[in-house]
C-alpha atoms as a PDB file:
ATOM      1  CA  UNK A   1       1.487   5.733  13.242  1.00  0.00           C
ATOM      2  CA  UNK A   2      -0.255   5.936   9.846  1.00  0.00           C
ATOM      3  CA  UNK A   3      -2.557   8.694  11.066  1.00  0.00           C
ATOM      4  CA  UNK A   4       0.496  10.599  12.323  1.00  0.00           C
ATOM      5  CA  UNK A   5       2.177  10.229   8.923  1.00  0.00           C
ATOM      6  CA  UNK A   6      -0.986  11.510   7.228  1.00  0.00           C
ATOM      7  CA  UNK A   7      -1.125  14.572   9.489  1.00  0.00           C
ATOM      8  CA  UNK A   8       2.592  15.333   9.094  1.00  0.00           C
ATOM      9  CA  UNK A   9       2.341  15.022   5.312  1.00  0.00           C
ATOM     10  CA  UNK A  10      -0.757  17.213   5.262  1.00  0.00           C
ATOM     11  CA  UNK A  11       1.031  19.899   7.303  1.00  0.00           C
ATOM     12  CA  UNK A  12       3.704  20.053   4.590  1.00  0.00           C
ATOM     13  CA  UNK A  13       1.083  21.053   2.032  1.00  0.00           C
ATOM     14  CA  UNK A  14       1.057  17.751   0.184  1.00  0.00           C
ATOM     15  CA  UNK A  15      -2.288  17.137  -1.530  1.00  0.00           C
ATOM     16  CA  UNK A  16      -2.133  13.358  -2.073  1.00  0.00           C
ATOM     17  CA  UNK A  17      -0.339  10.578  -0.199  1.00  0.00           C
ATOM     18  CA  UNK A  18       0.264   7.272  -1.993  1.00  0.00           C
ATOM     19  CA  UNK A  19       1.396   3.946  -0.537  1.00  0.00           C
ATOM     20  CA  UNK A  20       1.918   0.493  -1.955  1.00  0.00           C
ATOM     21  CA  UNK A  21       1.709  -2.961  -0.421  1.00  0.00           C
ATOM     22  CA  UNK A  22       1.581  -6.551  -1.573  1.00  0.00           C
ATOM     23  CA  UNK A  23      -1.570  -8.271  -2.755  1.00  0.00           C
ATOM     24  CA  UNK A  24      -1.054 -10.843   0.000  1.00  0.00           C
ATOM     25  CA  UNK A  25      -0.685  -8.248   2.797  1.00  0.00           C
ATOM     26  CA  UNK A  26      -4.271  -8.547   3.987  1.00  0.00           C
ATOM     27  CA  UNK A  27      -3.764  -6.774   7.317  1.00  0.00           C
ATOM     28  CA  UNK A  28      -2.011  -3.814   5.723  1.00  0.00           C
ATOM     29  CA  UNK A  29      -4.650  -3.506   3.002  1.00  0.00           C
ATOM     30  CA  UNK A  30      -7.395  -3.426   5.621  1.00  0.00           C
ATOM     31  CA  UNK A  31      -5.539  -0.903   7.793  1.00  0.00           C
ATOM     32  CA  UNK A  32      -4.875   1.526   4.933  1.00  0.00           C
ATOM     33  CA  UNK A  33      -8.507   1.390   3.857  1.00  0.00           C
ATOM     34  CA  UNK A  34      -9.731   1.944   7.418  1.00  0.00           C
ATOM     35  CA  UNK A  35      -7.565   5.089   7.461  1.00  0.00           C
ATOM     36  CA  UNK A  36      -9.238   6.411   4.326  1.00  0.00           C
ATOM     37  CA  UNK A  37      -6.930   5.211   1.554  1.00  0.00           C
ATOM     38  CA  UNK A  38      -8.528   4.034  -1.696  1.00  0.00           C
ATOM     39  CA  UNK A  39      -7.095   1.546  -4.182  1.00  0.00           C
ATOM     40  CA  UNK A  40      -5.911   3.437  -7.249  1.00  0.00           C
ATOM     41  CA  UNK A  41      -3.959   0.828  -9.148  1.00  0.00           C
ATOM     42  CA  UNK A  42      -2.167  -2.467  -9.361  1.00  0.00           C
ATOM     43  CA  UNK A  43       1.439  -2.878 -10.444  1.00  0.00           C
ATOM     44  CA  UNK A  44       1.151  -6.398 -11.830  1.00  0.00           C
ATOM     45  CA  UNK A  45       4.053  -8.789 -11.164  1.00  0.00           C
ATOM     46  CA  UNK A  46       5.958  -6.105  -9.200  1.00  0.00           C
ATOM     47  CA  UNK A  47       7.274  -8.584  -6.628  1.00  0.00           C
ATOM     48  CA  UNK A  48       8.204 -11.113  -9.292  1.00  0.00           C
ATOM     49  CA  UNK A  49      10.223  -8.501 -11.225  1.00  0.00           C
ATOM     50  CA  UNK A  50      12.026  -6.885  -8.290  1.00  0.00           C
ATOM     51  CA  UNK A  51      12.435  -9.637  -5.658  1.00  0.00           C
ATOM     52  CA  UNK A  52      14.519 -12.733  -6.286  1.00  0.00           C
ATOM     53  CA  UNK A  53      12.920 -14.844  -3.566  1.00  0.00           C
ATOM     54  CA  UNK A  54       9.265 -15.815  -3.569  1.00  0.00           C
ATOM     55  CA  UNK A  55       7.160 -14.082  -0.907  1.00  0.00           C
ATOM     56  CA  UNK A  56       4.278 -15.956   0.717  1.00  0.00           C
ATOM     57  CA  UNK A  57       1.969 -14.188   3.191  1.00  0.00           C
ATOM     58  CA  UNK A  58      -1.271 -15.521   4.610  1.00  0.00           C
ATOM     59  CA  UNK A  59      -0.874 -18.568   2.369  1.00  0.00           C
ATOM     60  CA  UNK A  60      -0.940 -16.320  -0.735  1.00  0.00           C
ATOM     61  CA  UNK A  61       1.927 -15.729  -3.151  1.00  0.00           C
ATOM     62  CA  UNK A  62       2.788 -12.031  -3.230  1.00  0.00           C
ATOM     63  CA  UNK A  63       3.018 -11.037  -6.883  1.00  0.00           C
ATOM     64  CA  UNK A  64       1.363  -7.636  -7.358  1.00  0.00           C
ATOM     65  CA  UNK A  65       1.758  -4.273  -5.646  1.00  0.00           C
ATOM     66  CA  UNK A  66      -1.548  -2.709  -4.689  1.00  0.00           C
ATOM     67  CA  UNK A  67      -1.289   1.086  -4.811  1.00  0.00           C
ATOM     68  CA  UNK A  68      -3.523   3.148  -2.546  1.00  0.00           C
ATOM     69  CA  UNK A  69      -3.871   6.882  -2.103  1.00  0.00           C
ATOM     70  CA  UNK A  70      -5.630   9.413   0.089  1.00  0.00           C
ATOM     71  CA  UNK A  71      -6.446  13.009  -0.764  1.00  0.00           C
ATOM     72  CA  UNK A  72      -5.287  15.308   1.991  1.00  0.00           C
END
Protein backbone atom coordinates (compact mmCIF):
# COMPACT_ATOMS: atom_id res chain seq x y z
CA UNK A 1 0.00 0.00 0.00
CA UNK A 2 2.81 2.46 0.81
CA UNK A 3 4.65 1.59 -2.39
CA UNK A 4 1.42 2.17 -4.33
CA UNK A 5 1.00 5.58 -2.69
CA UNK A 6 4.59 6.45 -3.59
CA UNK A 7 4.05 5.49 -7.24
CA UNK A 8 0.73 7.35 -7.49
CA UNK A 9 2.25 10.47 -5.94
CA UNK A 10 5.26 10.24 -8.25
CA UNK A 11 2.97 9.98 -11.30
CA UNK A 12 1.40 13.31 -10.29
CA UNK A 13 4.77 15.02 -10.59
CA UNK A 14 5.32 15.48 -6.87
CA UNK A 15 9.02 15.65 -6.01
CA UNK A 16 8.93 14.86 -2.28
CA UNK A 17 6.50 12.85 -0.15
CA UNK A 18 6.44 13.47 3.61
CA UNK A 19 4.76 11.42 6.33
CA UNK A 20 4.63 11.63 10.09
CA UNK A 21 4.18 9.01 12.79
CA UNK A 22 4.56 8.73 16.53
CA UNK A 23 7.87 8.11 18.27
CA UNK A 24 6.34 4.98 19.79
CA UNK A 25 5.13 3.55 16.44
CA UNK A 26 8.08 1.21 16.00
CA UNK A 27 6.52 -0.92 13.26
CA UNK A 28 5.53 2.09 11.18
CA UNK A 29 8.95 3.70 11.58
CA UNK A 30 10.63 0.52 10.38
CA UNK A 31 8.23 0.12 7.44
CA UNK A 32 8.68 3.69 6.19
CA UNK A 33 12.45 3.37 6.36
CA UNK A 34 12.39 0.04 4.53
CA UNK A 35 10.46 1.82 1.76
CA UNK A 36 13.15 4.47 1.44
CA UNK A 37 11.90 7.25 3.70
CA UNK A 38 14.47 9.15 5.77
CA UNK A 39 13.89 10.94 9.06
CA UNK A 40 13.90 14.68 8.44
CA UNK A 41 12.63 16.09 11.70
CA UNK A 42 10.90 15.72 15.01
CA UNK A 43 7.88 17.73 16.09
CA UNK A 44 8.50 17.62 19.83
CA UNK A 45 5.46 17.18 22.10
CA UNK A 46 3.09 17.03 19.09
CA UNK A 47 0.89 14.35 20.65
CA UNK A 48 0.84 16.11 24.01
CA UNK A 49 -0.30 19.39 22.39
CA UNK A 50 -2.94 17.98 20.05
CA UNK A 51 -4.33 14.86 21.77
CA UNK A 52 -6.18 15.02 25.07
CA UNK A 53 -5.69 11.37 25.98
CA UNK A 54 -2.29 9.82 26.57
CA UNK A 55 -1.17 7.39 23.86
CA UNK A 56 0.91 4.35 24.81
CA UNK A 57 2.29 2.03 22.11
CA UNK A 58 4.80 -0.76 22.59
CA UNK A 59 5.09 0.27 26.24
CA UNK A 60 6.30 3.75 25.18
CA UNK A 61 4.46 7.03 25.70
CA UNK A 62 3.81 8.67 22.33
CA UNK A 63 4.88 12.30 22.66
CA UNK A 64 6.72 13.35 19.49
CA UNK A 65 5.88 13.15 15.79
CA UNK A 66 8.71 11.75 13.71
CA UNK A 67 8.64 13.27 10.22
CA UNK A 68 10.03 11.26 7.33
CA UNK A 69 10.34 12.05 3.65
CA UNK A 70 11.33 10.43 0.38
CA UNK A 71 12.52 12.15 -2.77
CA UNK A 72 10.56 10.93 -5.76
